[in-house]
Amino acid sequence: MVASSQQIRQLLDRLEQLPPERVAEVQDFVEFLAAKERDEAFATLSKVADQVAAAGIKPMTSDEIDAEIKAYRAERRAARS
């Protein structure tokens, strides 16, 4: 979920009203949440990688990945036209 501009503005307004030590606490909490998101994303990616390996699927090379990305982008552009 992406925060709306209004939500961000309201949060910033509230932050501006806090004393510096509370702003530092908020910053620590936001950094904690960001780390948690990264950890969860890594766990999901690792799980998928394990499933791919267990299925015996050969890893793609960086050239193959680039080709897939270019093909996907071309399909999206064509669909918009």
C-alpha atoms as a PDB file:
ATOM      1  CA  MET A   1       0.000   0.000   0.000  1.00  0.00           C
ATOM      2  CA  VAL A   2       1.269   3.426  -0.910  1.00  0.00           C
ATOM      3  CA  ALA A   3       0.478   6.339   1.368  1.00  0.00           C
ATOM      4  CA  SER A   4      -1.470   9.183  -0.200  1.00  0.00           C
ATOM      5  CA  SER A   5      -0.045  12.676  -0.423  1.00  0.00           C
ATOM      6  CA  GLN A   6      -2.580  13.767   2.181  1.00  0.00           C
ATOM      7  CA  GLN A   7      -1.486  11.038   4.617  1.00  0.00           C
ATOM      8  CA  ILE A   8       2.148  12.008   4.171  1.00  0.00           C
ATOM      9  CA  ARG A   9       1.362  15.699   4.660  1.00  0.00           C
ATOM     10  CA  GLN A  10      -0.589  14.929   7.854  1.00  0.00           C
ATOM     11  CA  LEU A  11       2.271  12.825   9.165  1.00  0.00           C
ATOM     12  CA  LEU A  12       4.796  15.538   8.396  1.00  0.00           C
ATOM     13  CA  ASP A  13       2.607  18.130  10.121  1.00  0.00           C
ATOM     14  CA  ARG A  14       2.514  15.968  13.239  1.00  0.00           C
ATOM     15  CA  LEU A  15       6.258  15.323  13.098  1.00  0.00           C
ATOM     16  CA  GLU A  16       6.928  19.046  12.961  1.00  0.00           C
ATOM     17  CA  GLN A  17       5.055  19.417  16.257  1.00  0.00           C
ATOM     18  CA  LEU A  18       7.174  16.846  18.100  1.00  0.00           C
ATOM     19  CA  PRO A  19      10.271  17.645  20.144  1.00  0.00           C
ATOM     20  CA  PRO A  20      13.583  16.511  18.579  1.00  0.00           C
ATOM     21  CA  GLU A  21      13.965  13.468  20.850  1.00  0.00           C
ATOM     22  CA  ARG A  22      10.540  12.182  19.762  1.00  0.00           C
ATOM     23  CA  VAL A  23      11.417  12.757  16.098  1.00  0.00           C
ATOM     24  CA  ALA A  24      14.512  10.601  16.683  1.00  0.00           C
ATOM     25  CA  GLU A  25      12.271   7.871  18.126  1.00  0.00           C
ATOM     26  CA  VAL A  26       9.998   8.067  15.088  1.00  0.00           C
ATOM     27  CA  GLN A  27      13.027   7.831  12.803  1.00  0.00           C
ATOM     28  CA  ASP A  28      14.255   4.740  14.656  1.00  0.00           C
ATOM     29  CA  PHE A  29      10.818   3.158  14.338  1.00  0.00           C
ATOM     30  CA  VAL A  30      10.598   3.930  10.621  1.00  0.00           C
ATOM     31  CA  GLU A  31      14.037   2.390  10.105  1.00  0.00           C
ATOM     32  CA  PHE A  32      12.889  -0.687  12.064  1.00  0.00           C
ATOM     33  CA  LEU A  33       9.811  -1.009   9.828  1.00  0.00           C
ATOM     34  CA  ALA A  34      11.916  -0.620   6.675  1.00  0.00           C
ATOM     35  CA  ALA A  35      14.300  -3.334   7.869  1.00  0.00           C
ATOM     36  CA  LYS A  36      11.331  -5.582   8.624  1.00  0.00           C
ATOM     37  CA  GLU A  37       9.996  -5.046   5.084  1.00  0.00           C
ATOM     38  CA  ARG A  38      13.419  -5.890   3.609  1.00  0.00           C
ATOM     39  CA  ASP A  39      13.651  -9.032   5.750  1.00  0.00           C
ATOM     40  CA  GLU A  40      10.175 -10.170   4.702  1.00  0.00           C
ATOM     41  CA  ALA A  41      10.943  -9.505   1.021  1.00  0.00           C
ATOM     42  CA  PHE A  42      14.205 -11.438   1.304  1.00  0.00           C
ATOM     43  CA  ALA A  43      12.436 -14.363   2.997  1.00  0.00           C
ATOM     44  CA  THR A  44       9.848 -14.460   0.210  1.00  0.00           C
ATOM     45  CA  LEU A  45      12.532 -14.282  -2.462  1.00  0.00           C
ATOM     46  CA  SER A  46      14.530 -17.038  -0.760  1.00  0.00           C
ATOM     47  CA  LYS A  47      11.447 -19.252  -0.570  1.00  0.00           C
ATOM     48  CA  VAL A  48      10.755 -18.797  -4.279  1.00  0.00           C
ATOM     49  CA  ALA A  49      14.413 -19.440  -5.104  1.00  0.00           C
ATOM     50  CA  ASP A  50      14.293 -22.666  -3.094  1.00  0.00           C
ATOM     51  CA  GLN A  51      11.145 -23.747  -4.940  1.00  0.00           C
ATOM     52  CA  VAL A  52      12.738 -22.996  -8.305  1.00  0.00           C
ATOM     53  CA  ALA A  53      15.862 -24.934  -7.350  1.00  0.00           C
ATOM     54  CA  ALA A  54      13.787 -27.877  -6.083  1.00  0.00           C
ATOM     55  CA  ALA A  55      11.902 -27.931  -9.395  1.00  0.00           C
ATOM     56  CA  GLY A  56      15.208 -28.257 -11.231  1.00  0.00           C
ATOM     57  CA  ILE A  57      14.757 -25.025 -13.151  1.00  0.00           C
ATOM     58  CA  LYS A  58      18.047 -23.652 -14.406  1.00  0.00           C
ATOM     59  CA  PRO A  59      18.761 -20.085 -13.225  1.00  0.00           C
ATOM     60  CA  MET A  60      18.511 -17.383 -15.879  1.00  0.00           C
ATOM     61  CA  THR A  61      21.587 -15.490 -16.961  1.00  0.00           C
ATOM     62  CA  SER A  62      21.640 -11.713 -16.716  1.00  0.00           C
ATOM     63  CA  ASP A  63      21.352 -11.557 -20.529  1.00  0.00           C
ATOM     64  CA  GLU A  64      18.220 -13.740 -20.406  1.00  0.00           C
ATOM     65  CA  ILE A  65      16.734 -11.556 -17.681  1.00  0.00           C
ATOM     66  CA  ASP A  66      17.469  -8.422 -19.719  1.00  0.00           C
ATOM     67  CA  ALA A  67      15.821  -9.989 -22.789  1.00  0.00           C
ATOM     68  CA  GLU A  68      12.712 -10.893 -20.756  1.00  0.00           C
ATOM     69  CA  ILE A  69      12.459  -7.373 -19.366  1.00  0.00           C
ATOM     70  CA  LYS A  70      12.807  -5.833 -22.845  1.00  0.00           C
ATOM     71  CA  ALA A  71      10.164  -8.193 -24.254  1.00  0.00           C
ATOM     72  CA  TYR A  72       7.761  -7.380 -21.410  1.00  0.00           C
ATOM     73  CA  ARG A  73       8.258  -3.645 -21.886  1.00  0.00           C
ATOM     74  CA  ALA A  74       7.687  -3.984 -25.636  1.00  0.00           C
ATOM     75  CA  GLU A  75       4.429  -5.868 -24.954  1.00  0.00           C
ATOM     76  CA  ARG A  76       3.267  -3.134 -22.583  1.00  0.00           C
ATOM     77  CA  ARG A  77       4.093  -0.412 -25.108  1.00  0.00           C
ATOM     78  CA  ALA A  78       2.263  -2.288 -27.856  1.00  0.00           C
ATOM     79  CA  ALA A  79      -0.795  -2.777 -25.625  1.00  0.00           C
ATOM     80  CA  ARG A  80      -0.947   0.972 -24.933  1.00  0.00           C
ATOM     81  CA  SER A  81      -0.863   1.827 -28.630  1.00  0.00           C
END
